[in-house]
Amino acid sequence: MAALALGNQGLLSTGPMGTPLDGKKAAVELLARVTASTAHFKQKHGRAPGLSVVLVGEDPASVVYTRNKEKRAREVGLDGKLYRLPASTSCDELLTLLDRLNHDATVDGILVQLPLPASIDTERVLDAIDPAKDVDGFHPINVGLLNSGRPSLVPCTPRGCMLLLERTGVQVAGAHAVVVGRSSIVGKPVAQLLLAAHATVTIAHSRTRDLADVCRTADILVAAVGKAEMIRGDWVKAGAVVLDVGINRIADGTLVGDVAYAEALTRAQWITPVPGGVGAMTIACLLENTILAAEARIR
């Protein structure tokens, strides 16, 4: 599998202060590239790459997410299929479906929508997906490859962060990046990607002492804690790049990030809005992973 570009390491930042990083525009451009790659794959191999999305239960947010993934997959020319299973589905039944998809030559990518019902062992399910089809990048083999600095299927949201960072023209090599959040879905993998791009990386979290002061040292600040506007504007170093991964709905129904956007906008050189920032990139990166997986499997 071809290695992914991890960031622009040779340019100095040229954006004015308080410049929003437009994730929607970046996603449209990435989807155009995926569409072209999909058409080329179909012309060469006689079929479109296949993405299978599995939803267990009726969690409202998950229903919306999976429908959007299937819809976007079809829009770029992928063969997108959504498998909807009742919440009563057993772990063994789900594993049986995954085994069938693993052995289906027309399926290049498999995604199981999280969270799963409490009755299902999530770790066991993620471990059962063929690593070559693991377009979420959650399988232990893909995690290990990423941590070793070897080519792998990279988790979609961290990949989106790196693509947006690349658009700023900021010199990543030698920069100090602070990642607030240590989840296996965002915090840890984005830290590994930043390390691979030769940044000096600090991983911080809710138990970090003097968290605000740690954040103030960041040339690149990634917020992935899932707490509305926890990171205040005066935690942001003047001229920093701020990548806000959080999506939180507050009491009035408004969506906000983990960063107090209006405050941080006055200090950051580049900052992702919520919505319209990192989140807009996630599905586009999932579809990119599907075409990468298809191309790697058929060689």
C-alpha atoms as a PDB file:
ATOM      1  CA  MET A   1       0.000   0.000   0.000  1.00  0.00           C
ATOM      2  CA  ALA A   2       1.366   3.410  -0.890  1.00  0.00           C
ATOM      3  CA  ALA A   3       2.328   5.583   2.057  1.00  0.00           C
ATOM      4  CA  LEU A   4       0.120   8.581   2.693  1.00  0.00           C
ATOM      5  CA  ALA A   5       1.483  12.118   2.674  1.00  0.00           C
ATOM      6  CA  LEU A   6       1.716  13.203   6.289  1.00  0.00           C
ATOM      7  CA  GLY A   7       2.035  16.948   5.999  1.00  0.00           C
ATOM      8  CA  ASN A   8       3.916  19.775   4.318  1.00  0.00           C
ATOM      9  CA  GLN A   9       7.305  19.968   5.971  1.00  0.00           C
ATOM     10  CA  GLY A  10       9.069  22.554   3.844  1.00  0.00           C
ATOM     11  CA  LEU A  11       6.993  25.737   3.888  1.00  0.00           C
ATOM     12  CA  LEU A  12       6.481  28.580   6.299  1.00  0.00           C
ATOM     13  CA  SER A  13       2.943  29.627   7.196  1.00  0.00           C
ATOM     14  CA  THR A  14       1.646  32.513   5.125  1.00  0.00           C
ATOM     15  CA  GLY A  15      -1.958  32.889   6.279  1.00  0.00           C
ATOM     16  CA  PRO A  16      -3.223  36.010   8.064  1.00  0.00           C
ATOM     17  CA  MET A  17      -4.207  35.802  11.719  1.00  0.00           C
ATOM     18  CA  GLY A  18      -7.604  34.302  12.456  1.00  0.00           C
ATOM     19  CA  THR A  19      -7.937  32.367   9.192  1.00  0.00           C
ATOM     20  CA  PRO A  20     -10.591  29.594   9.267  1.00  0.00           C
ATOM     21  CA  LEU A  21      -9.524  26.250   7.820  1.00  0.00           C
ATOM     22  CA  ASP A  22     -12.355  25.315   5.468  1.00  0.00           C
ATOM     23  CA  GLY A  23     -12.917  21.570   5.884  1.00  0.00           C
ATOM     24  CA  LYS A  24     -15.874  21.581   3.499  1.00  0.00           C
ATOM     25  CA  LYS A  25     -13.784  22.923   0.631  1.00  0.00           C
ATOM     26  CA  ALA A  26     -10.966  20.487   1.383  1.00  0.00           C
ATOM     27  CA  ALA A  27     -13.440  17.586   1.492  1.00  0.00           C
ATOM     28  CA  VAL A  28     -14.925  18.538  -1.889  1.00  0.00           C
ATOM     29  CA  GLU A  29     -11.445  18.550  -3.419  1.00  0.00           C
ATOM     30  CA  LEU A  30     -10.570  15.182  -1.861  1.00  0.00           C
ATOM     31  CA  LEU A  31     -13.855  13.666  -3.029  1.00  0.00           C
ATOM     32  CA  ALA A  32     -13.100  14.825  -6.566  1.00  0.00           C
ATOM     33  CA  ARG A  33      -9.778  12.960  -6.427  1.00  0.00           C
ATOM     34  CA  VAL A  34     -11.493   9.864  -5.033  1.00  0.00           C
ATOM     35  CA  THR A  35     -14.106  10.017  -7.812  1.00  0.00           C
ATOM     36  CA  ALA A  36     -11.382  10.114 -10.453  1.00  0.00           C
ATOM     37  CA  SER A  37      -9.479   7.239  -8.813  1.00  0.00           C
ATOM     38  CA  THR A  38     -12.679   5.192  -8.552  1.00  0.00           C
ATOM     39  CA  ALA A  39     -13.470   5.690 -12.245  1.00  0.00           C
ATOM     40  CA  HIS A  40      -9.931   4.636 -13.173  1.00  0.00           C
ATOM     41  CA  PHE A  41     -10.180   1.548 -10.954  1.00  0.00           C
ATOM     42  CA  LYS A  42     -13.499   0.549 -12.507  1.00  0.00           C
ATOM     43  CA  GLN A  43     -12.186   1.008 -16.025  1.00  0.00           C
ATOM     44  CA  LYS A  44      -9.126  -1.087 -15.247  1.00  0.00           C
ATOM     45  CA  HIS A  45     -10.729  -3.869 -13.204  1.00  0.00           C
ATOM     46  CA  GLY A  46     -14.314  -3.998 -14.442  1.00  0.00           C
ATOM     47  CA  ARG A  47     -15.933  -3.221 -11.116  1.00  0.00           C
ATOM     48  CA  ALA A  48     -16.179  -0.400  -8.606  1.00  0.00           C
ATOM     49  CA  PRO A  49     -14.432  -0.709  -5.236  1.00  0.00           C
ATOM     50  CA  GLY A  50     -16.871  -1.989  -2.612  1.00  0.00           C
ATOM     51  CA  LEU A  51     -17.531  -0.434   0.796  1.00  0.00           C
ATOM     52  CA  SER A  52     -19.724  -2.298   3.295  1.00  0.00           C
ATOM     53  CA  VAL A  53     -21.032  -0.337   6.278  1.00  0.00           C
ATOM     54  CA  VAL A  54     -22.585  -2.269   9.166  1.00  0.00           C
ATOM     55  CA  LEU A  55     -25.033  -0.664  11.587  1.00  0.00           C
ATOM     56  CA  VAL A  56     -26.339  -2.517  14.635  1.00  0.00           C
ATOM     57  CA  GLY A  57     -29.314  -0.945  16.411  1.00  0.00           C
ATOM     58  CA  GLU A  58     -31.149   2.326  15.929  1.00  0.00           C
ATOM     59  CA  ASP A  59     -28.954   4.961  17.578  1.00  0.00           C
ATOM     60  CA  PRO A  60     -30.228   8.160  15.872  1.00  0.00           C
ATOM     61  CA  ALA A  61     -26.819   9.691  15.270  1.00  0.00           C
ATOM     62  CA  SER A  62     -25.431   6.405  13.948  1.00  0.00           C
ATOM     63  CA  VAL A  63     -28.370   6.020  11.560  1.00  0.00           C
ATOM     64  CA  VAL A  64     -27.615   9.450  10.077  1.00  0.00           C
ATOM     65  CA  TYR A  65     -23.868   8.810   9.883  1.00  0.00           C
ATOM     66  CA  THR A  66     -24.214   5.464   8.131  1.00  0.00           C
ATOM     67  CA  ARG A  67     -26.743   6.762   5.614  1.00  0.00           C
ATOM     68  CA  ASN A  68     -24.406   9.644   4.788  1.00  0.00           C
ATOM     69  CA  LYS A  69     -21.480   7.268   4.331  1.00  0.00           C
ATOM     70  CA  GLU A  70     -23.469   5.038   1.982  1.00  0.00           C
ATOM     71  CA  LYS A  71     -24.755   8.046   0.051  1.00  0.00           C
ATOM     72  CA  ARG A  72     -21.326   9.626  -0.339  1.00  0.00           C
ATOM     73  CA  ALA A  73     -19.848   6.285  -1.387  1.00  0.00           C
ATOM     74  CA  ARG A  74     -22.326   5.999  -4.238  1.00  0.00           C
ATOM     75  CA  GLU A  75     -21.798   9.639  -5.245  1.00  0.00           C
ATOM     76  CA  VAL A  76     -18.085   9.035  -5.861  1.00  0.00           C
ATOM     77  CA  GLY A  77     -18.785   5.805  -7.746  1.00  0.00           C
ATOM     78  CA  LEU A  78     -18.063   3.231  -5.048  1.00  0.00           C
ATOM     79  CA  ASP A  79     -20.310   0.223  -4.572  1.00  0.00           C
ATOM     80  CA  GLY A  80     -21.647   1.237  -1.180  1.00  0.00           C
ATOM     81  CA  LYS A  81     -23.796  -1.176   0.819  1.00  0.00           C
ATOM     82  CA  LEU A  82     -25.388  -0.621   4.216  1.00  0.00           C
ATOM     83  CA  TYR A  83     -26.208  -3.615   6.425  1.00  0.00           C
ATOM     84  CA  ARG A  84     -28.745  -2.687   9.121  1.00  0.00           C
ATOM     85  CA  LEU A  85     -29.023  -5.209  11.931  1.00  0.00           C
ATOM     86  CA  PRO A  86     -31.413  -5.090  14.909  1.00  0.00           C
ATOM     87  CA  ALA A  87     -30.119  -4.161  18.358  1.00  0.00           C
ATOM     88  CA  SER A  88     -30.875  -7.748  19.418  1.00  0.00           C
ATOM     89  CA  THR A  89     -28.140  -9.059  17.089  1.00  0.00           C
ATOM     90  CA  SER A  90     -25.675 -11.240  18.988  1.00  0.00           C
ATOM     91  CA  CYS A  91     -21.933 -10.847  18.794  1.00  0.00           C
ATOM     92  CA  ASP A  92     -21.662 -14.226  17.031  1.00  0.00           C
ATOM     93  CA  GLU A  93     -24.217 -13.185  14.415  1.00  0.00           C
ATOM     94  CA  LEU A  94     -22.283 -10.004  13.719  1.00  0.00           C
ATOM     95  CA  LEU A  95     -19.020 -11.946  13.481  1.00  0.00           C
ATOM     96  CA  THR A  96     -20.638 -14.304  10.964  1.00  0.00           C
ATOM     97  CA  LEU A  97     -21.537 -11.349   8.742  1.00  0.00           C
ATOM     98  CA  LEU A  98     -18.015  -9.928   9.035  1.00  0.00           C
ATOM     99  CA  ASP A  99     -16.516 -13.285   8.092  1.00  0.00           C
ATOM    100  CA  ARG A 100     -18.663 -13.318   4.961  1.00  0.00           C
ATOM    101  CA  LEU A 101     -17.602  -9.784   4.043  1.00  0.00           C
ATOM    102  CA  ASN A 102     -13.954 -10.622   4.716  1.00  0.00           C
ATOM    103  CA  HIS A 103     -14.148 -13.423   2.144  1.00  0.00           C
ATOM    104  CA  ASP A 104     -16.170 -11.475  -0.446  1.00  0.00           C
ATOM    105  CA  ALA A 105     -13.741 -10.479  -3.208  1.00  0.00           C
ATOM    106  CA  THR A 106     -15.973  -7.549  -4.241  1.00  0.00           C
ATOM    107  CA  VAL A 107     -15.766  -5.963  -0.775  1.00  0.00           C
ATOM    108  CA  ASP A 108     -12.666  -3.791  -0.346  1.00  0.00           C
ATOM    109  CA  GLY A 109     -13.637  -1.850   2.767  1.00  0.00           C
ATOM    110  CA  ILE A 110     -15.573  -2.809   5.906  1.00  0.00           C
ATOM    111  CA  LEU A 111     -16.759  -0.352   8.539  1.00  0.00           C
ATOM    112  CA  VAL A 112     -18.713  -1.224  11.665  1.00  0.00           C
ATOM    113  CA  GLN A 113     -20.446   1.861  13.017  1.00  0.00           C
ATOM    114  CA  LEU A 114     -19.667   2.620  16.652  1.00  0.00           C
ATOM    115  CA  PRO A 115     -20.898   2.578  19.331  1.00  0.00           C
ATOM    116  CA  LEU A 116     -22.222  -0.977  19.311  1.00  0.00           C
ATOM    117  CA  PRO A 117     -24.923  -2.171  21.727  1.00  0.00           C
ATOM    118  CA  ALA A 118     -23.551  -2.990  25.183  1.00  0.00           C
ATOM    119  CA  SER A 119     -24.251  -6.699  24.631  1.00  0.00           C
ATOM    120  CA  ILE A 120     -21.622  -6.866  21.853  1.00  0.00           C
ATOM    121  CA  ASP A 121     -17.879  -7.066  22.509  1.00  0.00           C
ATOM    122  CA  THR A 122     -16.585  -4.124  20.457  1.00  0.00           C
ATOM    123  CA  GLU A 123     -12.941  -5.170  20.713  1.00  0.00           C
ATOM    124  CA  ARG A 124     -13.724  -8.664  19.455  1.00  0.00           C
ATOM    125  CA  VAL A 125     -15.677  -7.246  16.525  1.00  0.00           C
ATOM    126  CA  LEU A 126     -12.977  -4.783  15.434  1.00  0.00           C
ATOM    127  CA  ASP A 127     -10.342  -7.519  15.713  1.00  0.00           C
ATOM    128  CA  ALA A 128     -12.421  -9.733  13.378  1.00  0.00           C
ATOM    129  CA  ILE A 129     -12.279  -7.335  10.413  1.00  0.00           C
ATOM    130  CA  ASP A 130      -9.688  -8.204   7.774  1.00  0.00           C
ATOM    131  CA  PRO A 131      -6.898  -5.602   8.343  1.00  0.00           C
ATOM    132  CA  ALA A 132      -6.641  -5.123   4.568  1.00  0.00           C
ATOM    133  CA  LYS A 133     -10.322  -4.046   4.545  1.00  0.00           C
ATOM    134  CA  ASP A 134     -10.236  -2.071   7.816  1.00  0.00           C
ATOM    135  CA  VAL A 135     -10.984   1.361   6.360  1.00  0.00           C
ATOM    136  CA  ASP A 136     -11.470   2.849   9.847  1.00  0.00           C
ATOM    137  CA  GLY A 137      -7.875   1.951  10.703  1.00  0.00           C
ATOM    138  CA  PHE A 138      -8.870   0.490  14.086  1.00  0.00           C
ATOM    139  CA  HIS A 139      -7.545  -3.074  13.735  1.00  0.00           C
ATOM    140  CA  PRO A 140      -4.538  -3.786  16.019  1.00  0.00           C
ATOM    141  CA  ILE A 141      -2.389  -4.632  12.986  1.00  0.00           C
ATOM    142  CA  ASN A 142      -3.088  -1.242  11.389  1.00  0.00           C
ATOM    143  CA  VAL A 143      -2.538   0.481  14.743  1.00  0.00           C
ATOM    144  CA  GLY A 144       0.799  -1.301  15.076  1.00  0.00           C
ATOM    145  CA  LEU A 145       1.864  -0.393  11.543  1.00  0.00           C
ATOM    146  CA  LEU A 146       1.022   3.259  12.183  1.00  0.00           C
ATOM    147  CA  ASN A 147       2.962   3.249  15.452  1.00  0.00           C
ATOM    148  CA  SER A 148       5.921   1.687  13.637  1.00  0.00           C
ATOM    149  CA  GLY A 149       5.865   4.365  10.966  1.00  0.00           C
ATOM    150  CA  ARG A 150       4.965   1.857   8.251  1.00  0.00           C
ATOM    151  CA  PRO A 151       2.274   2.291   5.554  1.00  0.00           C
ATOM    152  CA  SER A 152      -1.190   1.405   6.830  1.00  0.00           C
ATOM    153  CA  LEU A 153      -4.851   2.320   6.642  1.00  0.00           C
ATOM    154  CA  VAL A 154      -4.961   5.461   8.802  1.00  0.00           C
ATOM    155  CA  PRO A 155      -7.976   6.406  10.971  1.00  0.00           C
ATOM    156  CA  CYS A 156     -10.114   8.871   9.050  1.00  0.00           C
ATOM    157  CA  THR A 157     -10.369  11.838  11.412  1.00  0.00           C
ATOM    158  CA  PRO A 158      -6.612  11.984  12.133  1.00  0.00           C
ATOM    159  CA  ARG A 159      -5.965  11.706   8.389  1.00  0.00           C
ATOM    160  CA  GLY A 160      -8.338  14.650   7.884  1.00  0.00           C
ATOM    161  CA  CYS A 161      -6.421  16.658  10.490  1.00  0.00           C
ATOM    162  CA  MET A 162      -3.158  16.114   8.619  1.00  0.00           C
ATOM    163  CA  LEU A 163      -4.660  17.076   5.267  1.00  0.00           C
ATOM    164  CA  LEU A 164      -6.024  20.307   6.726  1.00  0.00           C
ATOM    165  CA  LEU A 165      -2.698  21.032   8.389  1.00  0.00           C
ATOM    166  CA  GLU A 166      -1.009  20.537   5.028  1.00  0.00           C
ATOM    167  CA  ARG A 167      -3.255  23.217   3.511  1.00  0.00           C
ATOM    168  CA  THR A 168      -1.897  25.853   5.913  1.00  0.00           C
ATOM    169  CA  GLY A 169       1.640  25.609   4.550  1.00  0.00           C
ATOM    170  CA  VAL A 170       2.906  25.443   8.123  1.00  0.00           C
ATOM    171  CA  GLN A 171       6.310  23.840   8.632  1.00  0.00           C
ATOM    172  CA  VAL A 172       5.448  20.739  10.668  1.00  0.00           C
ATOM    173  CA  ALA A 173       9.001  19.456  11.038  1.00  0.00           C
ATOM    174  CA  GLY A 174      10.408  20.815  14.272  1.00  0.00           C
ATOM    175  CA  ALA A 175       7.122  22.339  15.413  1.00  0.00           C
ATOM    176  CA  HIS A 176       5.760  21.590  18.885  1.00  0.00           C
ATOM    177  CA  ALA A 177       2.370  19.893  18.605  1.00  0.00           C
ATOM    178  CA  VAL A 178       0.118  19.405  21.618  1.00  0.00           C
ATOM    179  CA  VAL A 179      -2.677  16.856  21.286  1.00  0.00           C
ATOM    180  CA  VAL A 180      -5.332  17.196  23.987  1.00  0.00           C
ATOM    181  CA  GLY A 181      -7.036  13.806  24.190  1.00  0.00           C
ATOM    182  CA  ARG A 182      -5.657  10.264  24.187  1.00  0.00           C
ATOM    183  CA  SER A 183      -8.371   8.181  22.542  1.00  0.00           C
ATOM    184  CA  SER A 184      -7.445   5.370  20.187  1.00  0.00           C
ATOM    185  CA  ILE A 185      -9.731   6.897  17.554  1.00  0.00           C
ATOM    186  CA  VAL A 186      -8.215  10.399  17.368  1.00  0.00           C
ATOM    187  CA  GLY A 187      -5.692  11.421  20.023  1.00  0.00           C
ATOM    188  CA  LYS A 188      -3.149   8.620  19.768  1.00  0.00           C
ATOM    189  CA  PRO A 189      -3.187   8.179  15.972  1.00  0.00           C
ATOM    190  CA  VAL A 190      -2.970  11.903  15.226  1.00  0.00           C
ATOM    191  CA  ALA A 191       0.002  12.083  17.595  1.00  0.00           C
ATOM    192  CA  GLN A 192       1.671   9.288  15.620  1.00  0.00           C
ATOM    193  CA  LEU A 193       1.020  11.069  12.326  1.00  0.00           C
ATOM    194  CA  LEU A 194       2.508  14.287  13.703  1.00  0.00           C
ATOM    195  CA  LEU A 195       5.569  12.368  14.902  1.00  0.00           C
ATOM    196  CA  ALA A 196       5.932  10.863  11.432  1.00  0.00           C
ATOM    197  CA  ALA A 197       5.886  14.418  10.056  1.00  0.00           C
ATOM    198  CA  HIS A 198       8.814  15.221  12.410  1.00  0.00           C
ATOM    199  CA  ALA A 199       6.918  17.362  14.908  1.00  0.00           C
ATOM    200  CA  THR A 200       7.773  17.225  18.609  1.00  0.00           C
ATOM    201  CA  VAL A 201       4.576  15.899  20.173  1.00  0.00           C
ATOM    202  CA  THR A 202       3.060  16.205  23.640  1.00  0.00           C
ATOM    203  CA  ILE A 203      -0.085  14.219  24.451  1.00  0.00           C
ATOM    204  CA  ALA A 204      -2.149  15.918  27.139  1.00  0.00           C
ATOM    205  CA  HIS A 205      -5.440  14.953  28.756  1.00  0.00           C
ATOM    206  CA  SER A 206      -7.836  15.676  31.617  1.00  0.00           C
ATOM    207  CA  ARG A 207      -5.253  14.709  34.248  1.00  0.00           C
ATOM    208  CA  THR A 208      -2.412  16.754  32.795  1.00  0.00           C
ATOM    209  CA  ARG A 209      -1.103  19.237  35.342  1.00  0.00           C
ATOM    210  CA  ASP A 210      -1.273  22.887  34.271  1.00  0.00           C
ATOM    211  CA  LEU A 211      -3.098  21.919  31.075  1.00  0.00           C
ATOM    212  CA  ALA A 212      -3.629  25.525  30.018  1.00  0.00           C
ATOM    213  CA  ASP A 213       0.105  26.238  30.228  1.00  0.00           C
ATOM    214  CA  VAL A 214       0.896  23.088  28.227  1.00  0.00           C
ATOM    215  CA  CYS A 215      -1.513  24.205  25.499  1.00  0.00           C
ATOM    216  CA  ARG A 216       0.145  27.634  25.376  1.00  0.00           C
ATOM    217  CA  THR A 217       3.395  25.986  24.235  1.00  0.00           C
ATOM    218  CA  ALA A 218       1.800  24.510  21.105  1.00  0.00           C
ATOM    219  CA  ASP A 219       2.630  25.663  17.598  1.00  0.00           C
ATOM    220  CA  ILE A 220       0.009  23.105  16.515  1.00  0.00           C
ATOM    221  CA  LEU A 221      -2.842  22.442  18.948  1.00  0.00           C
ATOM    222  CA  VAL A 222      -5.187  19.501  18.370  1.00  0.00           C
ATOM    223  CA  ALA A 223      -8.281  19.412  20.605  1.00  0.00           C
ATOM    224  CA  ALA A 224      -9.978  16.012  20.872  1.00  0.00           C
ATOM    225  CA  VAL A 225     -11.494  15.756  24.348  1.00  0.00           C
ATOM    226  CA  GLY A 226     -15.244  15.855  23.697  1.00  0.00           C
ATOM    227  CA  LYS A 227     -15.954  18.687  26.132  1.00  0.00           C
ATOM    228  CA  ALA A 228     -17.640  21.815  24.822  1.00  0.00           C
ATOM    229  CA  GLU A 229     -15.339  24.854  24.614  1.00  0.00           C
ATOM    230  CA  MET A 230     -12.997  23.504  27.280  1.00  0.00           C
ATOM    231  CA  ILE A 231      -9.967  25.097  25.642  1.00  0.00           C
ATOM    232  CA  ARG A 232     -10.220  28.842  26.054  1.00  0.00           C
ATOM    233  CA  GLY A 233      -8.782  31.495  23.784  1.00  0.00           C
ATOM    234  CA  ASP A 234      -6.018  32.467  26.202  1.00  0.00           C
ATOM    235  CA  TRP A 235      -4.776  28.843  26.142  1.00  0.00           C
ATOM    236  CA  VAL A 236      -3.782  29.346  22.497  1.00  0.00           C
ATOM    237  CA  LYS A 237      -0.293  30.529  21.586  1.00  0.00           C
ATOM    238  CA  ALA A 238      -0.319  33.571  19.311  1.00  0.00           C
ATOM    239  CA  GLY A 239       0.064  32.405  15.725  1.00  0.00           C
ATOM    240  CA  ALA A 240      -0.703  28.732  16.427  1.00  0.00           C
ATOM    241  CA  VAL A 241      -2.630  26.333  14.203  1.00  0.00           C
ATOM    242  CA  VAL A 242      -5.698  24.981  16.025  1.00  0.00           C
ATOM    243  CA  LEU A 243      -7.386  21.776  14.848  1.00  0.00           C
ATOM    244  CA  ASP A 244     -10.650  21.323  16.756  1.00  0.00           C
ATOM    245  CA  VAL A 245     -11.906  17.742  16.474  1.00  0.00           C
ATOM    246  CA  GLY A 246     -14.716  18.104  19.031  1.00  0.00           C
ATOM    247  CA  ILE A 247     -18.390  18.187  18.082  1.00  0.00           C
ATOM    248  CA  ASN A 248     -20.624  18.988  21.047  1.00  0.00           C
ATOM    249  CA  ARG A 249     -24.276  20.026  21.196  1.00  0.00           C
ATOM    250  CA  ILE A 250     -24.916  22.581  23.930  1.00  0.00           C
ATOM    251  CA  ALA A 251     -28.176  23.430  25.732  1.00  0.00           C
ATOM    252  CA  ASP A 252     -29.560  25.716  22.994  1.00  0.00           C
ATOM    253  CA  GLY A 253     -28.949  23.050  20.342  1.00  0.00           C
ATOM    254  CA  THR A 254     -25.907  24.739  18.834  1.00  0.00           C
ATOM    255  CA  LEU A 255     -22.938  22.625  17.741  1.00  0.00           C
ATOM    256  CA  VAL A 256     -19.615  23.766  19.155  1.00  0.00           C
ATOM    257  CA  GLY A 257     -16.132  22.330  19.322  1.00  0.00           C
ATOM    258  CA  ASP A 258     -13.739  21.654  22.179  1.00  0.00           C
ATOM    259  CA  VAL A 259     -12.224  25.110  21.633  1.00  0.00           C
ATOM    260  CA  ALA A 260     -13.906  28.432  22.415  1.00  0.00           C
ATOM    261  CA  TYR A 261     -13.823  29.435  18.756  1.00  0.00           C
ATOM    262  CA  ALA A 262     -14.512  33.177  18.938  1.00  0.00           C
ATOM    263  CA  GLU A 263     -11.862  33.624  21.619  1.00  0.00           C
ATOM    264  CA  ALA A 264      -9.264  31.466  19.879  1.00  0.00           C
ATOM    265  CA  LEU A 265      -9.882  33.146  16.516  1.00  0.00           C
ATOM    266  CA  THR A 266      -8.221  36.309  17.826  1.00  0.00           C
ATOM    267  CA  ARG A 267      -5.003  34.420  18.658  1.00  0.00           C
ATOM    268  CA  ALA A 268      -4.667  31.521  16.238  1.00  0.00           C
ATOM    269  CA  GLN A 269      -3.249  31.981  12.775  1.00  0.00           C
ATOM    270  CA  TRP A 270      -5.342  29.094  11.453  1.00  0.00           C
ATOM    271  CA  ILE A 271      -8.307  27.415  13.150  1.00  0.00           C
ATOM    272  CA  THR A 272     -10.930  24.869  12.116  1.00  0.00           C
ATOM    273  CA  PRO A 273     -14.555  25.900  12.695  1.00  0.00           C
ATOM    274  CA  VAL A 274     -17.200  23.569  14.131  1.00  0.00           C
ATOM    275  CA  PRO A 275     -19.092  22.528  12.117  1.00  0.00           C
ATOM    276  CA  GLY A 276     -17.315  22.758   8.777  1.00  0.00           C
ATOM    277  CA  GLY A 277     -13.795  21.889   9.854  1.00  0.00           C
ATOM    278  CA  VAL A 278     -12.259  18.523  10.683  1.00  0.00           C
ATOM    279  CA  GLY A 279     -15.621  16.738  10.770  1.00  0.00           C
ATOM    280  CA  ALA A 280     -16.257  17.556   7.116  1.00  0.00           C
ATOM    281  CA  MET A 281     -13.131  15.589   6.191  1.00  0.00           C
ATOM    282  CA  THR A 282     -13.938  12.329   7.958  1.00  0.00           C
ATOM    283  CA  ILE A 283     -16.230  10.703   5.371  1.00  0.00           C
ATOM    284  CA  ALA A 284     -14.030  11.915   2.513  1.00  0.00           C
ATOM    285  CA  CYS A 285     -11.019  10.241   4.149  1.00  0.00           C
ATOM    286  CA  LEU A 286     -13.054   7.064   4.674  1.00  0.00           C
ATOM    287  CA  LEU A 287     -13.777   6.909   0.944  1.00  0.00           C
ATOM    288  CA  GLU A 288     -10.125   7.626   0.182  1.00  0.00           C
ATOM    289  CA  ASN A 289      -9.183   4.698   2.434  1.00  0.00           C
ATOM    290  CA  THR A 290     -11.581   2.475   0.485  1.00  0.00           C
ATOM    291  CA  ILE A 291      -9.936   3.182  -2.850  1.00  0.00           C
ATOM    292  CA  LEU A 292      -6.470   2.767  -1.280  1.00  0.00           C
ATOM    293  CA  ALA A 293      -7.546  -0.577   0.178  1.00  0.00           C
ATOM    294  CA  ALA A 294      -8.995  -1.696  -3.164  1.00  0.00           C
ATOM    295  CA  GLU A 295      -5.838  -0.798  -5.048  1.00  0.00           C
ATOM    296  CA  ALA A 296      -3.608  -2.527  -2.480  1.00  0.00           C
ATOM    297  CA  ARG A 297      -5.696  -5.726  -2.432  1.00  0.00           C
ATOM    298  CA  ILE A 298      -5.814  -6.183  -6.209  1.00  0.00           C
ATOM    299  CA  ARG A 299      -2.087  -5.801  -6.891  1.00  0.00           C
END
